[in-house]
Amino acid sequence: MKNQSLLIISGPGLADCIDFEGNKYGEISPGQIEQVCLAKGEALGLAVDFRQTDDIETLFKWIERDIGKFDGLIINPCLNSQAALMDFEAYQTTIERVAPLKKPVIEVYLGNVFLPGSRLAGPVKVPQAEAGFICGLGVHGYTLAIQAIEGRISDAQ
């Protein structure tokens, strides 16, 4: 059995999530999200590389440059407060370039992107990708995504 690794990237706005939806999910900080992800990964035998950036170009570069080093990707491209800054077409294109690698990708949003007034684009639409989507569960969405990717990686071995 090889060492399994997972890249988790959170994009613009994660630092703002302390006030996320009126603290509906409790106090959330980027550091807390990272710790939850690292702990869940360790419990499942996954090496987790957690990254956060407020720079959209850096987010795209990390995906394109580094996805080959990992067995799966979890991405929270941006929080609702930053959606106006996100180039969702470029994001879609970036995920499409990952699709031929046949690595599981799960898009995670802390909030429910389907609520009226949400400025987020909703699930990435890449039919040829091993893509999943979780929204509206706060930090728990990350842990579910980690568990799902570990299952997909294990099934593929």
N, C-alpha and C. Protein backbone atom coordinates (compact mmCIF):
# COMPACT_ATOMS: atom_id res chain seq x y z
N MET A 1 0.85 -1.20 0.00
CA MET A 1 0.00 0.00 0.00
C MET A 1 0.89 1.25 0.00
N LYS A 2 0.68 2.14 -0.94
CA LYS A 2 1.50 3.35 -1.00
C LYS A 2 0.96 4.41 -0.04
N ASN A 3 1.83 5.37 0.27
CA ASN A 3 1.39 6.48 1.10
C ASN A 3 0.42 7.32 0.30
N GLN A 4 -0.73 7.60 0.89
CA GLN A 4 -1.75 8.38 0.21
C GLN A 4 -1.64 9.83 0.65
N SER A 5 -1.83 10.74 -0.30
CA SER A 5 -1.71 12.15 0.03
C SER A 5 -2.86 12.94 -0.59
N LEU A 6 -3.17 14.02 0.06
CA LEU A 6 -4.32 14.83 -0.31
C LEU A 6 -3.95 16.30 -0.25
N LEU A 7 -4.27 17.02 -1.31
CA LEU A 7 -4.08 18.47 -1.35
C LEU A 7 -5.42 19.13 -1.06
N ILE A 8 -5.44 20.01 -0.06
CA ILE A 8 -6.64 20.77 0.28
C ILE A 8 -6.30 22.24 0.10
N ILE A 9 -7.06 22.90 -0.76
CA ILE A 9 -6.84 24.32 -1.04
C ILE A 9 -8.10 25.11 -0.73
N SER A 10 -7.94 26.16 0.04
CA SER A 10 -9.03 27.10 0.29
C SER A 10 -8.62 28.45 -0.29
N GLY A 11 -9.52 29.02 -1.05
CA GLY A 11 -9.22 30.25 -1.75
C GLY A 11 -9.67 31.50 -1.01
N PRO A 12 -9.85 32.57 -1.74
CA PRO A 12 -10.12 33.88 -1.16
C PRO A 12 -11.32 33.89 -0.21
N GLY A 13 -11.10 34.58 0.90
CA GLY A 13 -12.18 34.81 1.85
C GLY A 13 -12.16 33.93 3.07
N LEU A 14 -11.32 32.90 3.12
CA LEU A 14 -11.34 32.00 4.27
C LEU A 14 -11.03 32.75 5.56
N ALA A 15 -10.19 33.75 5.47
CA ALA A 15 -9.87 34.53 6.67
C ALA A 15 -11.10 35.28 7.19
N ASP A 16 -12.10 35.50 6.32
CA ASP A 16 -13.33 36.18 6.72
C ASP A 16 -14.35 35.23 7.34
N CYS A 17 -14.06 33.95 7.38
CA CYS A 17 -15.10 33.00 7.78
C CYS A 17 -15.36 33.00 9.28
N ILE A 18 -14.60 33.77 10.05
CA ILE A 18 -14.88 33.87 11.48
C ILE A 18 -16.30 34.41 11.68
N ASP A 19 -16.73 35.30 10.80
CA ASP A 19 -18.08 35.85 10.89
C ASP A 19 -19.04 35.16 9.93
N PHE A 20 -18.69 34.00 9.48
CA PHE A 20 -19.44 33.26 8.48
C PHE A 20 -20.88 33.02 8.91
N GLU A 21 -21.81 33.51 8.11
CA GLU A 21 -23.25 33.34 8.31
C GLU A 21 -23.67 33.55 9.76
N GLY A 22 -23.17 34.62 10.35
CA GLY A 22 -23.57 34.92 11.72
C GLY A 22 -23.17 33.84 12.72
N ASN A 23 -22.03 33.20 12.46
CA ASN A 23 -21.53 32.12 13.31
C ASN A 23 -22.51 30.96 13.43
N LYS A 24 -23.26 30.73 12.39
CA LYS A 24 -24.22 29.62 12.36
C LYS A 24 -23.56 28.29 12.72
N TYR A 25 -22.29 28.15 12.32
CA TYR A 25 -21.56 26.91 12.58
C TYR A 25 -20.57 27.07 13.73
N GLY A 26 -20.68 28.14 14.50
CA GLY A 26 -19.73 28.39 15.57
C GLY A 26 -18.54 29.17 15.03
N GLU A 27 -17.63 29.49 15.91
CA GLU A 27 -16.43 30.23 15.50
C GLU A 27 -15.60 29.36 14.58
N ILE A 28 -15.29 29.86 13.42
CA ILE A 28 -14.48 29.15 12.44
C ILE A 28 -13.32 30.05 12.04
N SER A 29 -12.13 29.52 12.12
CA SER A 29 -10.97 30.26 11.64
C SER A 29 -10.22 29.37 10.67
N PRO A 30 -9.40 29.95 9.81
CA PRO A 30 -8.62 29.12 8.89
C PRO A 30 -7.75 28.10 9.64
N GLY A 31 -7.18 28.52 10.75
CA GLY A 31 -6.36 27.60 11.54
C GLY A 31 -7.16 26.43 12.09
N GLN A 32 -8.39 26.69 12.51
CA GLN A 32 -9.25 25.61 13.00
C GLN A 32 -9.61 24.65 11.87
N ILE A 33 -9.91 25.17 10.71
CA ILE A 33 -10.24 24.32 9.57
C ILE A 33 -9.03 23.45 9.23
N GLU A 34 -7.86 24.05 9.21
CA GLU A 34 -6.65 23.28 8.91
C GLU A 34 -6.44 22.16 9.93
N GLN A 35 -6.59 22.47 11.21
CA GLN A 35 -6.40 21.45 12.25
C GLN A 35 -7.40 20.30 12.12
N VAL A 36 -8.64 20.63 11.82
CA VAL A 36 -9.67 19.59 11.62
C VAL A 36 -9.27 18.71 10.44
N CYS A 37 -8.82 19.32 9.36
CA CYS A 37 -8.43 18.56 8.16
C CYS A 37 -7.22 17.68 8.43
N LEU A 38 -6.22 18.21 9.10
CA LEU A 38 -5.02 17.43 9.40
C LEU A 38 -5.36 16.24 10.31
N ALA A 39 -6.20 16.48 11.31
CA ALA A 39 -6.58 15.40 12.23
C ALA A 39 -7.37 14.31 11.51
N LYS A 40 -8.30 14.70 10.65
CA LYS A 40 -9.10 13.71 9.92
C LYS A 40 -8.21 12.93 8.96
N GLY A 41 -7.33 13.63 8.28
CA GLY A 41 -6.40 12.96 7.38
C GLY A 41 -5.53 11.96 8.11
N GLU A 42 -4.99 12.37 9.23
CA GLU A 42 -4.14 11.46 10.01
C GLU A 42 -4.92 10.23 10.46
N ALA A 43 -6.15 10.44 10.92
CA ALA A 43 -6.99 9.32 11.38
C ALA A 43 -7.25 8.32 10.24
N LEU A 44 -7.25 8.80 9.01
CA LEU A 44 -7.52 7.93 7.86
C LEU A 44 -6.24 7.50 7.14
N GLY A 45 -5.09 7.89 7.66
CA GLY A 45 -3.83 7.50 7.05
C GLY A 45 -3.45 8.30 5.82
N LEU A 46 -3.96 9.51 5.72
CA LEU A 46 -3.65 10.40 4.59
C LEU A 46 -2.69 11.50 5.02
N ALA A 47 -1.70 11.75 4.22
CA ALA A 47 -0.86 12.93 4.42
C ALA A 47 -1.61 14.10 3.79
N VAL A 48 -1.88 15.12 4.56
CA VAL A 48 -2.66 16.26 4.10
C VAL A 48 -1.78 17.50 3.98
N ASP A 49 -1.83 18.13 2.83
CA ASP A 49 -1.18 19.42 2.60
C ASP A 49 -2.31 20.44 2.49
N PHE A 50 -2.49 21.27 3.52
CA PHE A 50 -3.56 22.26 3.57
C PHE A 50 -2.97 23.61 3.20
N ARG A 51 -3.58 24.28 2.24
CA ARG A 51 -3.11 25.59 1.80
C ARG A 51 -4.28 26.55 1.72
N GLN A 52 -3.99 27.82 1.97
CA GLN A 52 -5.00 28.87 1.83
C GLN A 52 -4.34 30.06 1.17
N THR A 53 -5.06 30.66 0.24
CA THR A 53 -4.57 31.87 -0.41
C THR A 53 -5.73 32.80 -0.69
N ASP A 54 -5.45 34.09 -0.64
CA ASP A 54 -6.44 35.07 -1.05
C ASP A 54 -6.19 35.54 -2.48
N ASP A 55 -5.18 34.94 -3.12
CA ASP A 55 -4.82 35.29 -4.49
C ASP A 55 -5.32 34.21 -5.44
N ILE A 56 -6.23 34.56 -6.31
CA ILE A 56 -6.86 33.60 -7.21
C ILE A 56 -5.84 32.96 -8.15
N GLU A 57 -4.91 33.74 -8.65
CA GLU A 57 -3.89 33.18 -9.55
C GLU A 57 -3.04 32.14 -8.83
N THR A 58 -2.72 32.37 -7.57
CA THR A 58 -1.96 31.39 -6.79
C THR A 58 -2.75 30.11 -6.64
N LEU A 59 -4.04 30.23 -6.39
CA LEU A 59 -4.91 29.05 -6.28
C LEU A 59 -4.83 28.22 -7.56
N PHE A 60 -4.97 28.85 -8.71
CA PHE A 60 -4.91 28.14 -9.99
C PHE A 60 -3.53 27.49 -10.19
N LYS A 61 -2.46 28.23 -9.87
CA LYS A 61 -1.10 27.70 -10.03
C LYS A 61 -0.88 26.47 -9.16
N TRP A 62 -1.33 26.53 -7.89
CA TRP A 62 -1.17 25.37 -7.01
C TRP A 62 -1.83 24.14 -7.59
N ILE A 63 -3.04 24.30 -8.10
CA ILE A 63 -3.74 23.15 -8.66
C ILE A 63 -2.97 22.59 -9.85
N GLU A 64 -2.67 23.44 -10.79
CA GLU A 64 -2.03 22.98 -12.03
C GLU A 64 -0.63 22.43 -11.79
N ARG A 65 0.13 23.08 -10.93
CA ARG A 65 1.52 22.69 -10.70
C ARG A 65 1.65 21.47 -9.80
N ASP A 66 0.78 21.36 -8.79
CA ASP A 66 1.02 20.37 -7.74
C ASP A 66 0.09 19.17 -7.72
N ILE A 67 -1.00 19.17 -8.47
CA ILE A 67 -1.96 18.07 -8.36
C ILE A 67 -1.32 16.72 -8.69
N GLY A 68 -0.33 16.69 -9.55
CA GLY A 68 0.34 15.44 -9.90
C GLY A 68 1.05 14.78 -8.73
N LYS A 69 1.34 15.54 -7.69
CA LYS A 69 2.05 15.01 -6.51
C LYS A 69 1.09 14.39 -5.49
N PHE A 70 -0.21 14.51 -5.71
CA PHE A 70 -1.20 14.09 -4.72
C PHE A 70 -2.18 13.09 -5.33
N ASP A 71 -2.84 12.34 -4.45
CA ASP A 71 -3.81 11.35 -4.88
C ASP A 71 -5.21 11.92 -5.03
N GLY A 72 -5.45 13.11 -4.50
CA GLY A 72 -6.77 13.73 -4.59
C GLY A 72 -6.69 15.20 -4.22
N LEU A 73 -7.78 15.91 -4.52
CA LEU A 73 -7.85 17.36 -4.28
C LEU A 73 -9.20 17.71 -3.66
N ILE A 74 -9.15 18.50 -2.61
CA ILE A 74 -10.35 19.13 -2.05
C ILE A 74 -10.13 20.63 -2.21
N ILE A 75 -11.13 21.30 -2.74
CA ILE A 75 -10.98 22.73 -2.97
C ILE A 75 -12.22 23.49 -2.55
N ASN A 76 -11.99 24.57 -1.81
CA ASN A 76 -13.01 25.57 -1.51
C ASN A 76 -12.53 26.81 -2.26
N PRO A 77 -13.03 27.03 -3.48
CA PRO A 77 -12.44 28.09 -4.31
C PRO A 77 -12.57 29.49 -3.73
N CYS A 78 -13.66 29.77 -3.02
CA CYS A 78 -13.82 31.08 -2.39
C CYS A 78 -15.06 31.08 -1.52
N LEU A 79 -15.10 32.01 -0.60
CA LEU A 79 -16.31 32.21 0.18
C LEU A 79 -17.24 33.15 -0.58
N ASN A 80 -18.50 33.13 -0.22
CA ASN A 80 -19.51 33.95 -0.89
C ASN A 80 -19.09 35.42 -0.93
N SER A 81 -18.45 35.90 0.14
CA SER A 81 -18.05 37.30 0.21
C SER A 81 -17.02 37.66 -0.87
N GLN A 82 -16.34 36.66 -1.43
CA GLN A 82 -15.31 36.91 -2.45
C GLN A 82 -15.72 36.46 -3.85
N ALA A 83 -16.95 36.00 -3.99
CA ALA A 83 -17.39 35.43 -5.26
C ALA A 83 -17.29 36.41 -6.42
N ALA A 84 -17.50 37.68 -6.17
CA ALA A 84 -17.44 38.67 -7.24
C ALA A 84 -16.03 38.76 -7.83
N LEU A 85 -15.02 38.39 -7.06
CA LEU A 85 -13.64 38.46 -7.53
C LEU A 85 -13.20 37.19 -8.26
N MET A 86 -13.94 36.12 -8.11
CA MET A 86 -13.54 34.83 -8.67
C MET A 86 -13.88 34.75 -10.15
N ASP A 87 -12.92 34.29 -10.92
CA ASP A 87 -13.13 34.02 -12.34
C ASP A 87 -13.54 32.56 -12.45
N PHE A 88 -14.84 32.29 -12.43
CA PHE A 88 -15.33 30.92 -12.41
C PHE A 88 -15.07 30.19 -13.73
N GLU A 89 -14.96 30.92 -14.82
CA GLU A 89 -14.62 30.26 -16.09
C GLU A 89 -13.19 29.75 -16.05
N ALA A 90 -12.26 30.55 -15.53
CA ALA A 90 -10.87 30.11 -15.41
C ALA A 90 -10.75 28.96 -14.41
N TYR A 91 -11.54 29.01 -13.36
CA TYR A 91 -11.56 27.93 -12.38
C TYR A 91 -12.04 26.64 -13.04
N GLN A 92 -13.12 26.72 -13.80
CA GLN A 92 -13.66 25.57 -14.52
C GLN A 92 -12.59 24.98 -15.45
N THR A 93 -11.91 25.83 -16.17
CA THR A 93 -10.86 25.40 -17.09
C THR A 93 -9.73 24.71 -16.34
N THR A 94 -9.37 25.23 -15.19
CA THR A 94 -8.31 24.63 -14.39
C THR A 94 -8.70 23.22 -13.94
N ILE A 95 -9.92 23.04 -13.48
CA ILE A 95 -10.38 21.71 -13.06
C ILE A 95 -10.47 20.78 -14.26
N GLU A 96 -10.86 21.30 -15.42
CA GLU A 96 -10.90 20.48 -16.63
C GLU A 96 -9.51 19.94 -16.98
N ARG A 97 -8.47 20.73 -16.72
CA ARG A 97 -7.10 20.28 -17.00
C ARG A 97 -6.67 19.17 -16.03
N VAL A 98 -7.28 19.10 -14.86
CA VAL A 98 -6.97 18.06 -13.88
C VAL A 98 -7.68 16.75 -14.24
N ALA A 99 -8.82 16.84 -14.91
CA ALA A 99 -9.66 15.67 -15.19
C ALA A 99 -8.93 14.48 -15.81
N PRO A 100 -8.03 14.68 -16.79
CA PRO A 100 -7.36 13.52 -17.38
C PRO A 100 -6.50 12.72 -16.40
N LEU A 101 -6.15 13.32 -15.28
CA LEU A 101 -5.34 12.62 -14.29
C LEU A 101 -6.14 11.58 -13.51
N LYS A 102 -7.47 11.64 -13.64
CA LYS A 102 -8.37 10.68 -12.97
C LYS A 102 -8.16 10.64 -11.46
N LYS A 103 -7.95 11.80 -10.88
CA LYS A 103 -7.82 11.93 -9.43
C LYS A 103 -9.12 12.48 -8.87
N PRO A 104 -9.57 11.98 -7.72
CA PRO A 104 -10.81 12.52 -7.16
C PRO A 104 -10.64 13.98 -6.73
N VAL A 105 -11.64 14.77 -7.08
CA VAL A 105 -11.69 16.18 -6.73
C VAL A 105 -13.04 16.43 -6.07
N ILE A 106 -13.02 17.06 -4.90
CA ILE A 106 -14.27 17.44 -4.25
C ILE A 106 -14.23 18.93 -3.95
N GLU A 107 -15.25 19.60 -4.42
CA GLU A 107 -15.42 21.03 -4.18
C GLU A 107 -16.24 21.18 -2.90
N VAL A 108 -15.74 21.98 -1.97
CA VAL A 108 -16.40 22.17 -0.68
C VAL A 108 -16.68 23.65 -0.47
N TYR A 109 -17.91 23.96 -0.09
CA TYR A 109 -18.26 25.31 0.33
C TYR A 109 -18.81 25.23 1.74
N LEU A 110 -18.42 26.15 2.59
CA LEU A 110 -18.92 26.17 3.97
C LEU A 110 -20.42 26.40 4.00
N GLY A 111 -20.90 27.31 3.17
CA GLY A 111 -22.31 27.67 3.17
C GLY A 111 -23.06 27.00 2.03
N ASN A 112 -24.36 27.20 2.04
CA ASN A 112 -25.23 26.64 1.02
C ASN A 112 -25.25 27.57 -0.19
N VAL A 113 -24.64 27.16 -1.27
CA VAL A 113 -24.54 28.01 -2.46
C VAL A 113 -25.86 28.13 -3.21
N PHE A 114 -26.86 27.35 -2.81
CA PHE A 114 -28.14 27.37 -3.51
C PHE A 114 -29.14 28.32 -2.85
N LEU A 115 -28.74 28.97 -1.76
CA LEU A 115 -29.63 29.93 -1.11
C LEU A 115 -29.83 31.16 -2.00
N PRO A 116 -31.00 31.76 -1.96
CA PRO A 116 -31.21 32.99 -2.72
C PRO A 116 -30.18 34.04 -2.29
N GLY A 117 -29.63 34.73 -3.25
CA GLY A 117 -28.66 35.78 -2.98
C GLY A 117 -27.21 35.31 -3.00
N SER A 118 -26.98 34.01 -3.07
CA SER A 118 -25.62 33.51 -3.14
C SER A 118 -25.00 33.93 -4.47
N ARG A 119 -23.77 34.39 -4.39
CA ARG A 119 -23.08 34.83 -5.60
C ARG A 119 -22.16 33.74 -6.14
N LEU A 120 -22.16 32.58 -5.51
CA LEU A 120 -21.28 31.50 -5.94
C LEU A 120 -21.89 30.77 -7.12
N ALA A 121 -21.02 30.21 -7.94
CA ALA A 121 -21.46 29.59 -9.19
C ALA A 121 -22.09 28.21 -8.98
N GLY A 122 -21.90 27.61 -7.85
CA GLY A 122 -22.42 26.26 -7.65
C GLY A 122 -21.40 25.24 -8.09
N PRO A 123 -21.79 23.99 -8.16
CA PRO A 123 -20.81 22.93 -8.44
C PRO A 123 -20.09 23.12 -9.76
N VAL A 124 -18.80 22.82 -9.74
CA VAL A 124 -18.03 22.82 -10.97
C VAL A 124 -18.61 21.72 -11.87
N LYS A 125 -18.68 22.01 -13.15
CA LYS A 125 -19.30 21.06 -14.08
C LYS A 125 -18.24 20.53 -15.04
N VAL A 126 -17.65 19.41 -14.65
CA VAL A 126 -16.63 18.76 -15.45
C VAL A 126 -17.01 17.28 -15.53
N PRO A 127 -17.84 16.91 -16.50
CA PRO A 127 -18.35 15.55 -16.56
C PRO A 127 -17.27 14.47 -16.61
N GLN A 128 -16.13 14.76 -17.23
CA GLN A 128 -15.09 13.75 -17.37
C GLN A 128 -14.22 13.63 -16.12
N ALA A 129 -14.45 14.46 -15.11
CA ALA A 129 -13.64 14.44 -13.90
C ALA A 129 -14.27 13.56 -12.83
N GLU A 130 -13.44 13.12 -11.93
CA GLU A 130 -13.88 12.39 -10.73
C GLU A 130 -14.25 13.45 -9.70
N ALA A 131 -15.31 14.22 -9.97
CA ALA A 131 -15.62 15.38 -9.15
C ALA A 131 -16.85 15.17 -8.28
N GLY A 132 -16.77 15.70 -7.06
CA GLY A 132 -17.89 15.69 -6.14
C GLY A 132 -18.12 17.09 -5.61
N PHE A 133 -19.19 17.27 -4.85
CA PHE A 133 -19.58 18.60 -4.39
C PHE A 133 -20.26 18.49 -3.03
N ILE A 134 -19.81 19.33 -2.08
CA ILE A 134 -20.42 19.40 -0.74
C ILE A 134 -20.59 20.87 -0.39
N CYS A 135 -21.79 21.24 0.07
CA CYS A 135 -21.98 22.63 0.50
C CYS A 135 -22.94 22.67 1.68
N GLY A 136 -22.82 23.76 2.45
CA GLY A 136 -23.79 24.03 3.50
C GLY A 136 -23.55 23.34 4.83
N LEU A 137 -22.43 22.65 4.98
CA LEU A 137 -22.19 21.89 6.21
C LEU A 137 -21.07 22.47 7.08
N GLY A 138 -20.63 23.67 6.76
CA GLY A 138 -19.56 24.27 7.54
C GLY A 138 -18.29 23.43 7.44
N VAL A 139 -17.52 23.40 8.51
CA VAL A 139 -16.25 22.67 8.54
C VAL A 139 -16.48 21.17 8.32
N HIS A 140 -17.64 20.68 8.73
CA HIS A 140 -17.93 19.26 8.56
C HIS A 140 -17.87 18.84 7.09
N GLY A 141 -18.11 19.76 6.17
CA GLY A 141 -18.00 19.47 4.75
C GLY A 141 -16.60 19.02 4.37
N TYR A 142 -15.59 19.65 4.99
CA TYR A 142 -14.21 19.24 4.73
C TYR A 142 -13.97 17.80 5.21
N THR A 143 -14.44 17.47 6.40
CA THR A 143 -14.19 16.12 6.92
C THR A 143 -14.91 15.07 6.09
N LEU A 144 -16.10 15.37 5.63
CA LEU A 144 -16.80 14.44 4.75
C LEU A 144 -16.06 14.26 3.42
N ALA A 145 -15.52 15.34 2.91
CA ALA A 145 -14.77 15.27 1.65
C ALA A 145 -13.50 14.44 1.82
N ILE A 146 -12.81 14.62 2.93
CA ILE A 146 -11.60 13.83 3.20
C ILE A 146 -11.94 12.35 3.27
N GLN A 147 -12.99 12.03 3.98
CA GLN A 147 -13.42 10.64 4.11
C GLN A 147 -13.80 10.06 2.74
N ALA A 148 -14.52 10.83 1.94
CA ALA A 148 -14.93 10.35 0.62
C ALA A 148 -13.73 10.12 -0.29
N ILE A 149 -12.78 11.04 -0.27
CA ILE A 149 -11.60 10.87 -1.13
C ILE A 149 -10.77 9.69 -0.66
N GLU A 150 -10.64 9.51 0.63
CA GLU A 150 -9.88 8.35 1.12
C GLU A 150 -10.54 7.07 0.63
N GLY A 151 -11.85 7.01 0.64
CA GLY A 151 -12.55 5.84 0.13
C GLY A 151 -12.30 5.63 -1.35
N ARG A 152 -12.33 6.71 -2.13
CA ARG A 152 -12.10 6.60 -3.57
C ARG A 152 -10.67 6.14 -3.87
N ILE A 153 -9.71 6.69 -3.12
CA ILE A 153 -8.32 6.30 -3.31
C ILE A 153 -8.13 4.83 -2.95
N SER A 154 -8.70 4.41 -1.82
CA SER A 154 -8.56 3.02 -1.38
C SER A 154 -9.22 2.07 -2.37
N ASP A 155 -10.38 2.44 -2.89
CA ASP A 155 -11.07 1.59 -3.87
C ASP A 155 -10.26 1.43 -5.15
N ALA A 156 -9.48 2.45 -5.49
CA ALA A 156 -8.72 2.42 -6.73
C ALA A 156 -7.45 1.58 -6.62
N GLN A 157 -7.05 1.24 -5.40
CA GLN A 157 -5.81 0.48 -5.23
C GLN A 157 -6.02 -0.99 -5.38
